[in-house]
Amino acid sequence: GYGFACTAGVDRAAKLGADVVAFLDGDHSFLPAELPRLLAPILWDQADLVLGSRWLGHIAPGAMPPQQRFGNWLASRLMSALYSIPLTDLGPYRAIRLSLLLSLDMREMTYGYPTEMMVKAARRGARLVETPVSFHPRRSGRSKVSGTLRGTMLAARYILGVTFRYAFGPVP
């Protein structure tokens, strides 16, 4: 699953001695050339987690189907309200201090992995900021999340489940 792939990359980055790790989808929907924009606030000690916002940046025509737009809007508003963090997007293009990520004890090995990262970091008082990124139609393959109604509903279940699971109670 998605979380397992992320965890494998994080483990490799830790073994290589990285201080910061970045995540982006491998379908060419995000531009690797924009990575310095995500790294800068961390490297300048202005943030611990930087989220790439497609809404603050540019969404190319055909890149985000209506159900994905609505789901993203709803989940980001819920997360903003529950965690008192201003969010415009829950996109997967992000960078985080490795030390923070390792301390979060990530458990969600599904599409809820990015959400778990954000909500646990927010509950810990980490400095979260958004930066504009571009979003383009994928060059190949079909999205498992937004490509089908079933995929969209399954991803929504994971994302909303994680959002509510960590909203109340002790800080994870």
N, C-alpha and C. Protein backbone atom coordinates (compact mmCIF):
# COMPACT_ATOMS: atom_id res chain seq x y z
N GLY A 1 0.81 -1.20 0.00
CA GLY A 1 0.00 0.00 0.00
C GLY A 1 0.85 1.26 0.00
N TYR A 2 0.18 2.36 -0.08
CA TYR A 2 0.81 3.67 -0.15
C TYR A 2 1.72 3.92 1.06
N GLY A 3 1.21 3.65 2.24
CA GLY A 3 2.00 3.88 3.45
C GLY A 3 3.24 3.00 3.53
N PHE A 4 3.13 1.76 3.05
CA PHE A 4 4.31 0.88 3.03
C PHE A 4 5.40 1.44 2.12
N ALA A 5 5.00 1.95 0.97
CA ALA A 5 5.98 2.54 0.04
C ALA A 5 6.65 3.75 0.68
N CYS A 6 5.85 4.59 1.34
CA CYS A 6 6.42 5.76 2.02
C CYS A 6 7.38 5.34 3.13
N THR A 7 6.98 4.34 3.90
CA THR A 7 7.82 3.86 5.00
C THR A 7 9.14 3.30 4.49
N ALA A 8 9.11 2.59 3.38
CA ALA A 8 10.35 2.06 2.79
C ALA A 8 11.28 3.21 2.40
N GLY A 9 10.74 4.25 1.81
CA GLY A 9 11.55 5.41 1.45
C GLY A 9 12.11 6.12 2.66
N VAL A 10 11.31 6.26 3.70
CA VAL A 10 11.76 6.90 4.94
C VAL A 10 12.88 6.09 5.58
N ASP A 11 12.73 4.78 5.63
CA ASP A 11 13.78 3.92 6.19
C ASP A 11 15.09 4.08 5.43
N ARG A 12 15.00 4.14 4.12
CA ARG A 12 16.20 4.31 3.29
C ARG A 12 16.84 5.68 3.55
N ALA A 13 16.01 6.72 3.62
CA ALA A 13 16.53 8.07 3.88
C ALA A 13 17.23 8.13 5.24
N ALA A 14 16.66 7.46 6.24
CA ALA A 14 17.28 7.45 7.57
C ALA A 14 18.64 6.76 7.52
N LYS A 15 18.72 5.65 6.80
CA LYS A 15 19.99 4.92 6.68
C LYS A 15 21.05 5.75 5.97
N LEU A 16 20.62 6.63 5.07
CA LEU A 16 21.55 7.49 4.34
C LEU A 16 21.90 8.76 5.11
N GLY A 17 21.28 8.97 6.27
CA GLY A 17 21.59 10.13 7.10
C GLY A 17 20.88 11.40 6.71
N ALA A 18 19.74 11.30 6.06
CA ALA A 18 18.99 12.49 5.65
C ALA A 18 18.45 13.25 6.86
N ASP A 19 18.34 14.55 6.72
CA ASP A 19 17.72 15.39 7.75
C ASP A 19 16.27 15.70 7.40
N VAL A 20 15.97 15.71 6.10
CA VAL A 20 14.64 16.06 5.60
C VAL A 20 14.25 15.02 4.56
N VAL A 21 12.98 14.64 4.53
CA VAL A 21 12.48 13.75 3.48
C VAL A 21 11.33 14.45 2.76
N ALA A 22 11.21 14.13 1.49
CA ALA A 22 10.14 14.71 0.68
C ALA A 22 9.35 13.57 0.04
N PHE A 23 8.08 13.84 -0.20
CA PHE A 23 7.18 12.87 -0.82
C PHE A 23 6.51 13.51 -2.02
N LEU A 24 6.44 12.78 -3.13
CA LEU A 24 5.65 13.20 -4.27
C LEU A 24 5.27 11.97 -5.05
N ASP A 25 4.13 12.05 -5.72
CA ASP A 25 3.67 10.92 -6.52
C ASP A 25 4.59 10.73 -7.71
N GLY A 26 4.77 9.48 -8.13
CA GLY A 26 5.67 9.16 -9.22
C GLY A 26 5.01 9.14 -10.59
N ASP A 27 3.85 9.75 -10.72
CA ASP A 27 3.12 9.72 -11.99
C ASP A 27 3.30 11.00 -12.81
N HIS A 28 4.24 11.84 -12.41
CA HIS A 28 4.55 13.10 -13.09
C HIS A 28 3.45 14.15 -12.95
N SER A 29 2.55 13.98 -11.98
CA SER A 29 1.52 15.00 -11.78
C SER A 29 2.08 16.19 -11.00
N PHE A 30 3.18 15.99 -10.29
CA PHE A 30 3.87 17.08 -9.60
C PHE A 30 5.23 17.28 -10.25
N LEU A 31 5.76 18.48 -10.14
CA LEU A 31 7.04 18.81 -10.76
C LEU A 31 8.18 18.70 -9.75
N PRO A 32 9.12 17.79 -9.95
CA PRO A 32 10.28 17.72 -9.06
C PRO A 32 11.05 19.04 -9.01
N ALA A 33 10.99 19.83 -10.05
CA ALA A 33 11.69 21.12 -10.07
C ALA A 33 11.17 22.07 -9.00
N GLU A 34 9.97 21.82 -8.47
CA GLU A 34 9.42 22.67 -7.42
C GLU A 34 9.84 22.23 -6.02
N LEU A 35 10.61 21.16 -5.92
CA LEU A 35 11.04 20.65 -4.62
C LEU A 35 11.78 21.69 -3.78
N PRO A 36 12.67 22.52 -4.35
CA PRO A 36 13.33 23.53 -3.52
C PRO A 36 12.34 24.45 -2.79
N ARG A 37 11.20 24.69 -3.38
CA ARG A 37 10.17 25.52 -2.75
C ARG A 37 9.63 24.85 -1.48
N LEU A 38 9.56 23.53 -1.47
CA LEU A 38 9.10 22.81 -0.28
C LEU A 38 10.20 22.68 0.77
N LEU A 39 11.42 22.56 0.33
CA LEU A 39 12.53 22.39 1.27
C LEU A 39 12.94 23.68 1.96
N ALA A 40 12.82 24.80 1.27
CA ALA A 40 13.34 26.08 1.79
C ALA A 40 12.83 26.43 3.19
N PRO A 41 11.53 26.38 3.47
CA PRO A 41 11.10 26.76 4.82
C PRO A 41 11.68 25.87 5.93
N ILE A 42 11.94 24.61 5.62
CA ILE A 42 12.56 23.73 6.61
C ILE A 42 14.03 24.07 6.76
N LEU A 43 14.71 24.23 5.65
CA LEU A 43 16.15 24.54 5.69
C LEU A 43 16.42 25.89 6.33
N TRP A 44 15.48 26.83 6.22
CA TRP A 44 15.61 28.15 6.85
C TRP A 44 15.02 28.18 8.26
N ASP A 45 14.68 27.01 8.78
CA ASP A 45 14.12 26.84 10.12
C ASP A 45 12.84 27.66 10.35
N GLN A 46 12.00 27.70 9.32
CA GLN A 46 10.72 28.38 9.43
C GLN A 46 9.56 27.40 9.52
N ALA A 47 9.83 26.12 9.33
CA ALA A 47 8.77 25.10 9.35
C ALA A 47 9.39 23.73 9.64
N ASP A 48 8.52 22.84 10.11
CA ASP A 48 8.91 21.45 10.33
C ASP A 48 8.30 20.53 9.28
N LEU A 49 7.15 20.95 8.74
CA LEU A 49 6.43 20.20 7.71
C LEU A 49 5.89 21.20 6.70
N VAL A 50 6.22 21.00 5.44
CA VAL A 50 5.76 21.89 4.37
C VAL A 50 4.87 21.09 3.44
N LEU A 51 3.67 21.58 3.23
CA LEU A 51 2.69 20.92 2.39
C LEU A 51 2.57 21.67 1.08
N GLY A 52 2.68 20.97 -0.02
CA GLY A 52 2.48 21.58 -1.32
C GLY A 52 0.99 21.76 -1.57
N SER A 53 0.57 22.99 -1.80
CA SER A 53 -0.85 23.27 -2.04
C SER A 53 -1.11 23.50 -3.52
N ARG A 54 -1.93 22.64 -4.08
CA ARG A 54 -2.33 22.80 -5.48
C ARG A 54 -3.26 23.99 -5.62
N TRP A 55 -4.03 24.28 -4.59
CA TRP A 55 -4.98 25.39 -4.64
C TRP A 55 -4.26 26.74 -4.60
N LEU A 56 -3.13 26.81 -3.92
CA LEU A 56 -2.35 28.04 -3.90
C LEU A 56 -1.50 28.17 -5.16
N GLY A 57 -1.28 27.04 -5.83
CA GLY A 57 -0.48 27.01 -7.05
C GLY A 57 -1.37 26.96 -8.27
N HIS A 58 -1.12 25.96 -9.12
CA HIS A 58 -1.84 25.86 -10.39
C HIS A 58 -2.32 24.43 -10.60
N ILE A 59 -3.60 24.27 -10.88
CA ILE A 59 -4.16 22.97 -11.22
C ILE A 59 -4.48 22.99 -12.71
N ALA A 60 -3.75 22.21 -13.48
CA ALA A 60 -3.96 22.16 -14.92
C ALA A 60 -5.31 21.53 -15.24
N PRO A 61 -5.94 21.94 -16.33
CA PRO A 61 -7.21 21.33 -16.72
C PRO A 61 -7.09 19.81 -16.84
N GLY A 62 -8.06 19.11 -16.27
CA GLY A 62 -8.09 17.66 -16.33
C GLY A 62 -7.25 16.95 -15.28
N ALA A 63 -6.55 17.71 -14.43
CA ALA A 63 -5.67 17.08 -13.45
C ALA A 63 -6.42 16.56 -12.22
N MET A 64 -7.53 17.19 -11.87
CA MET A 64 -8.24 16.81 -10.65
C MET A 64 -9.74 16.69 -10.93
N PRO A 65 -10.26 15.46 -10.95
CA PRO A 65 -11.69 15.29 -11.22
C PRO A 65 -12.56 15.89 -10.11
N PRO A 66 -13.82 16.16 -10.42
CA PRO A 66 -14.71 16.82 -9.45
C PRO A 66 -14.79 16.11 -8.09
N GLN A 67 -14.86 14.79 -8.07
CA GLN A 67 -14.97 14.09 -6.79
C GLN A 67 -13.72 14.28 -5.94
N GLN A 68 -12.56 14.38 -6.59
CA GLN A 68 -11.32 14.61 -5.86
C GLN A 68 -11.28 16.04 -5.34
N ARG A 69 -11.73 16.99 -6.13
CA ARG A 69 -11.80 18.39 -5.69
C ARG A 69 -12.69 18.52 -4.45
N PHE A 70 -13.89 17.92 -4.53
CA PHE A 70 -14.82 18.03 -3.41
C PHE A 70 -14.27 17.34 -2.17
N GLY A 71 -13.77 16.12 -2.32
CA GLY A 71 -13.23 15.39 -1.18
C GLY A 71 -12.08 16.11 -0.52
N ASN A 72 -11.20 16.67 -1.33
CA ASN A 72 -10.07 17.42 -0.81
C ASN A 72 -10.54 18.66 -0.06
N TRP A 73 -11.50 19.36 -0.65
CA TRP A 73 -12.05 20.56 0.00
C TRP A 73 -12.66 20.21 1.35
N LEU A 74 -13.48 19.16 1.38
CA LEU A 74 -14.16 18.76 2.61
C LEU A 74 -13.15 18.33 3.68
N ALA A 75 -12.23 17.46 3.32
CA ALA A 75 -11.26 16.95 4.29
C ALA A 75 -10.34 18.06 4.80
N SER A 76 -9.91 18.96 3.94
CA SER A 76 -9.02 20.04 4.41
C SER A 76 -9.77 20.99 5.33
N ARG A 77 -11.05 21.24 5.09
CA ARG A 77 -11.84 22.10 5.98
C ARG A 77 -12.04 21.43 7.34
N LEU A 78 -12.34 20.14 7.32
CA LEU A 78 -12.50 19.41 8.58
C LEU A 78 -11.20 19.41 9.39
N MET A 79 -10.10 19.15 8.70
CA MET A 79 -8.82 19.12 9.38
C MET A 79 -8.46 20.50 9.93
N SER A 80 -8.73 21.53 9.17
CA SER A 80 -8.46 22.89 9.65
C SER A 80 -9.25 23.18 10.92
N ALA A 81 -10.52 22.79 10.93
CA ALA A 81 -11.37 23.04 12.09
C ALA A 81 -10.96 22.20 13.30
N LEU A 82 -10.70 20.93 13.09
CA LEU A 82 -10.39 20.03 14.20
C LEU A 82 -9.00 20.25 14.80
N TYR A 83 -8.05 20.69 13.99
CA TYR A 83 -6.67 20.80 14.45
C TYR A 83 -6.16 22.24 14.50
N SER A 84 -7.02 23.19 14.22
CA SER A 84 -6.66 24.62 14.26
C SER A 84 -5.44 24.93 13.41
N ILE A 85 -5.41 24.36 12.21
CA ILE A 85 -4.34 24.67 11.27
C ILE A 85 -4.98 25.11 9.96
N PRO A 86 -4.51 26.21 9.40
CA PRO A 86 -5.09 26.67 8.13
C PRO A 86 -4.57 25.82 6.97
N LEU A 87 -5.44 25.06 6.36
CA LEU A 87 -5.07 24.19 5.24
C LEU A 87 -5.94 24.48 4.04
N THR A 88 -5.34 24.46 2.88
CA THR A 88 -6.11 24.57 1.64
C THR A 88 -6.09 23.26 0.86
N ASP A 89 -5.18 22.35 1.20
CA ASP A 89 -4.99 21.15 0.40
C ASP A 89 -4.43 20.02 1.26
N LEU A 90 -4.76 18.79 0.90
CA LEU A 90 -4.20 17.61 1.56
C LEU A 90 -3.34 16.81 0.59
N GLY A 91 -2.74 17.49 -0.34
CA GLY A 91 -1.97 16.82 -1.38
C GLY A 91 -0.77 16.06 -0.84
N PRO A 92 -0.25 15.12 -1.62
CA PRO A 92 0.85 14.28 -1.18
C PRO A 92 2.24 14.89 -1.36
N TYR A 93 2.35 16.03 -2.05
CA TYR A 93 3.67 16.65 -2.28
C TYR A 93 4.03 17.42 -1.03
N ARG A 94 5.05 16.97 -0.30
CA ARG A 94 5.38 17.55 0.99
C ARG A 94 6.82 17.25 1.38
N ALA A 95 7.31 18.00 2.36
CA ALA A 95 8.64 17.76 2.93
C ALA A 95 8.52 17.87 4.45
N ILE A 96 9.29 17.07 5.16
CA ILE A 96 9.21 17.04 6.62
C ILE A 96 10.59 16.73 7.21
N ARG A 97 10.86 17.29 8.37
CA ARG A 97 12.09 16.94 9.08
C ARG A 97 12.03 15.44 9.42
N LEU A 98 13.08 14.73 9.13
CA LEU A 98 13.08 13.29 9.39
C LEU A 98 12.91 13.01 10.87
N SER A 99 13.55 13.78 11.73
CA SER A 99 13.42 13.55 13.17
C SER A 99 11.97 13.66 13.63
N LEU A 100 11.24 14.62 13.09
CA LEU A 100 9.82 14.76 13.43
C LEU A 100 9.04 13.55 12.92
N LEU A 101 9.25 13.19 11.68
CA LEU A 101 8.51 12.07 11.10
C LEU A 101 8.75 10.79 11.88
N LEU A 102 9.99 10.51 12.24
CA LEU A 102 10.29 9.29 13.00
C LEU A 102 9.62 9.31 14.37
N SER A 103 9.46 10.48 14.95
CA SER A 103 8.83 10.58 16.27
C SER A 103 7.31 10.40 16.23
N LEU A 104 6.72 10.45 15.03
CA LEU A 104 5.27 10.37 14.91
C LEU A 104 4.72 8.95 15.02
N ASP A 105 5.58 7.95 15.00
CA ASP A 105 5.15 6.55 15.11
C ASP A 105 4.04 6.25 14.11
N MET A 106 4.36 6.43 12.84
CA MET A 106 3.38 6.26 11.77
C MET A 106 2.88 4.81 11.71
N ARG A 107 1.57 4.66 11.64
CA ARG A 107 0.96 3.33 11.63
C ARG A 107 0.05 3.09 10.43
N GLU A 108 -0.40 4.14 9.79
CA GLU A 108 -1.37 4.04 8.70
C GLU A 108 -0.64 3.67 7.41
N MET A 109 -0.83 2.46 6.94
CA MET A 109 -0.13 2.00 5.75
C MET A 109 -0.99 2.08 4.49
N THR A 110 -2.03 2.89 4.55
CA THR A 110 -2.96 3.07 3.44
C THR A 110 -2.81 4.49 2.89
N TYR A 111 -3.83 4.93 2.15
CA TYR A 111 -3.86 6.31 1.65
C TYR A 111 -4.03 7.31 2.78
N GLY A 112 -4.23 6.83 4.00
CA GLY A 112 -4.32 7.72 5.15
C GLY A 112 -2.97 8.15 5.69
N TYR A 113 -1.88 7.64 5.12
CA TYR A 113 -0.53 7.97 5.61
C TYR A 113 -0.25 9.47 5.61
N PRO A 114 -0.49 10.21 4.52
CA PRO A 114 -0.22 11.65 4.55
C PRO A 114 -1.08 12.38 5.58
N THR A 115 -2.31 11.93 5.76
CA THR A 115 -3.20 12.56 6.73
C THR A 115 -2.69 12.31 8.15
N GLU A 116 -2.29 11.08 8.43
CA GLU A 116 -1.74 10.77 9.75
C GLU A 116 -0.52 11.64 10.03
N MET A 117 0.33 11.82 9.04
CA MET A 117 1.51 12.66 9.21
C MET A 117 1.11 14.08 9.61
N MET A 118 0.13 14.64 8.91
CA MET A 118 -0.28 16.03 9.18
C MET A 118 -0.93 16.17 10.55
N VAL A 119 -1.87 15.28 10.87
CA VAL A 119 -2.61 15.46 12.12
C VAL A 119 -1.73 15.19 13.34
N LYS A 120 -0.86 14.20 13.26
CA LYS A 120 0.03 13.96 14.39
C LYS A 120 1.02 15.11 14.56
N ALA A 121 1.54 15.62 13.46
CA ALA A 121 2.46 16.76 13.54
C ALA A 121 1.73 17.97 14.13
N ALA A 122 0.51 18.21 13.71
CA ALA A 122 -0.27 19.33 14.23
C ALA A 122 -0.52 19.17 15.73
N ARG A 123 -0.89 17.98 16.15
CA ARG A 123 -1.15 17.74 17.58
C ARG A 123 0.12 17.91 18.41
N ARG A 124 1.28 17.68 17.81
CA ARG A 124 2.55 17.84 18.51
C ARG A 124 3.03 19.29 18.53
N GLY A 125 2.30 20.17 17.84
CA GLY A 125 2.71 21.57 17.81
C GLY A 125 3.78 21.88 16.78
N ALA A 126 3.97 21.01 15.81
CA ALA A 126 4.96 21.25 14.76
C ALA A 126 4.54 22.45 13.92
N ARG A 127 5.51 23.11 13.34
CA ARG A 127 5.23 24.26 12.47
C ARG A 127 4.92 23.75 11.07
N LEU A 128 3.65 23.91 10.66
CA LEU A 128 3.19 23.48 9.35
C LEU A 128 2.94 24.71 8.49
N VAL A 129 3.44 24.68 7.27
CA VAL A 129 3.15 25.75 6.32
C VAL A 129 2.82 25.12 4.97
N GLU A 130 2.12 25.89 4.16
CA GLU A 130 1.82 25.47 2.79
C GLU A 130 2.61 26.34 1.82
N THR A 131 2.92 25.77 0.68
CA THR A 131 3.57 26.52 -0.39
C THR A 131 2.92 26.12 -1.71
N PRO A 132 2.82 27.04 -2.66
CA PRO A 132 2.16 26.72 -3.93
C PRO A 132 2.95 25.68 -4.74
N VAL A 133 2.21 24.74 -5.33
CA VAL A 133 2.79 23.78 -6.27
C VAL A 133 1.86 23.64 -7.46
N SER A 134 2.41 23.14 -8.54
CA SER A 134 1.64 22.89 -9.76
C SER A 134 1.16 21.44 -9.75
N PHE A 135 0.01 21.22 -10.38
CA PHE A 135 -0.55 19.87 -10.46
C PHE A 135 -1.01 19.64 -11.88
N HIS A 136 -0.55 18.53 -12.46
CA HIS A 136 -0.81 18.24 -13.87
C HIS A 136 -1.48 16.87 -14.03
N PRO A 137 -2.16 16.64 -15.14
CA PRO A 137 -2.72 15.31 -15.38
C PRO A 137 -1.60 14.27 -15.38
N ARG A 138 -1.89 13.11 -14.83
CA ARG A 138 -0.88 12.05 -14.80
C ARG A 138 -0.55 11.63 -16.23
N ARG A 139 0.71 11.29 -16.44
CA ARG A 139 1.17 10.92 -17.78
C ARG A 139 0.84 9.49 -18.15
N SER A 140 0.69 8.64 -17.14
CA SER A 140 0.40 7.24 -17.44
C SER A 140 -0.35 6.61 -16.27
N GLY A 141 -1.01 5.52 -16.57
CA GLY A 141 -1.72 4.80 -15.54
C GLY A 141 -3.03 5.47 -15.15
N ARG A 142 -3.68 4.84 -14.20
CA ARG A 142 -4.96 5.35 -13.72
C ARG A 142 -4.89 5.47 -12.21
N SER A 143 -5.41 6.55 -11.69
CA SER A 143 -5.38 6.78 -10.25
C SER A 143 -6.22 5.74 -9.52
N LYS A 144 -5.65 5.16 -8.47
CA LYS A 144 -6.41 4.23 -7.64
C LYS A 144 -7.36 4.98 -6.72
N VAL A 145 -7.10 6.26 -6.50
CA VAL A 145 -7.94 7.07 -5.62
C VAL A 145 -9.05 7.77 -6.39
N SER A 146 -8.69 8.58 -7.35
CA SER A 146 -9.71 9.38 -8.04
C SER A 146 -10.17 8.77 -9.36
N GLY A 147 -9.58 7.64 -9.75
CA GLY A 147 -9.93 7.03 -11.02
C GLY A 147 -11.24 6.28 -11.03
N THR A 148 -11.72 5.88 -9.86
CA THR A 148 -12.99 5.15 -9.77
C THR A 148 -13.76 5.64 -8.55
N LEU A 149 -15.07 5.47 -8.57
CA LEU A 149 -15.89 5.84 -7.42
C LEU A 149 -15.50 5.00 -6.21
N ARG A 150 -15.26 3.71 -6.42
CA ARG A 150 -14.87 2.83 -5.32
C ARG A 150 -13.55 3.30 -4.69
N GLY A 151 -12.58 3.63 -5.53
CA GLY A 151 -11.29 4.11 -5.03
C GLY A 151 -11.43 5.41 -4.26
N THR A 152 -12.26 6.30 -4.78
CA THR A 152 -12.49 7.57 -4.11
C THR A 152 -13.13 7.35 -2.74
N MET A 153 -14.12 6.49 -2.68
CA MET A 153 -14.81 6.23 -1.41
C MET A 153 -13.88 5.54 -0.40
N LEU A 154 -13.06 4.64 -0.86
CA LEU A 154 -12.12 3.96 0.03
C LEU A 154 -11.09 4.94 0.58
N ALA A 155 -10.54 5.78 -0.28
CA ALA A 155 -9.58 6.79 0.18
C ALA A 155 -10.24 7.75 1.16
N ALA A 156 -11.47 8.16 0.87
CA ALA A 156 -12.20 9.06 1.77
C ALA A 156 -12.37 8.42 3.14
N ARG A 157 -12.68 7.14 3.15
CA ARG A 157 -12.83 6.43 4.43
C ARG A 157 -11.54 6.46 5.24
N TYR A 158 -10.43 6.18 4.59
CA TYR A 158 -9.14 6.20 5.30
C TYR A 158 -8.80 7.61 5.78
N ILE A 159 -8.94 8.58 4.91
CA ILE A 159 -8.57 9.96 5.25
C ILE A 159 -9.43 10.51 6.38
N LEU A 160 -10.75 10.35 6.27
CA LEU A 160 -11.64 10.85 7.31
C LEU A 160 -11.47 10.06 8.61
N GLY A 161 -11.25 8.75 8.49
CA GLY A 161 -11.03 7.94 9.69
C GLY A 161 -9.82 8.41 10.47
N VAL A 162 -8.72 8.66 9.78
CA VAL A 162 -7.50 9.14 10.44
C VAL A 162 -7.73 10.54 11.00
N THR A 163 -8.41 11.39 10.24
CA THR A 163 -8.67 12.76 10.70
C THR A 163 -9.38 12.76 12.04
N PHE A 164 -10.41 11.95 12.19
CA PHE A 164 -11.17 11.91 13.44
C PHE A 164 -10.48 11.10 14.53
N ARG A 165 -9.74 10.06 14.17
CA ARG A 165 -9.09 9.20 15.16
C ARG A 165 -8.15 9.97 16.07
N TYR A 166 -7.42 10.91 15.51
CA TYR A 166 -6.41 11.62 16.30
C TYR A 166 -6.85 13.01 16.76
N ALA A 167 -8.09 13.38 16.51
CA ALA A 167 -8.55 14.73 16.84
C ALA A 167 -8.76 14.93 18.34
N PHE A 168 -9.07 13.89 19.05
CA PHE A 168 -9.42 14.01 20.46
C PHE A 168 -8.56 13.06 21.29
N GLY A 169 -8.48 13.32 22.55
CA GLY A 169 -7.71 12.45 23.43
C GLY A 169 -6.28 12.90 23.56
N PRO A 170 -5.44 12.04 24.14
CA PRO A 170 -4.04 12.41 24.35
C PRO A 170 -3.31 12.64 23.03
N VAL A 171 -2.28 13.45 23.10
CA VAL A 171 -1.47 13.73 21.92
C VAL A 171 -0.74 12.45 21.53
N PRO A 172 -0.91 12.02 20.28
CA PRO A 172 -0.27 10.77 19.84
C PRO A 172 1.24 10.92 19.71
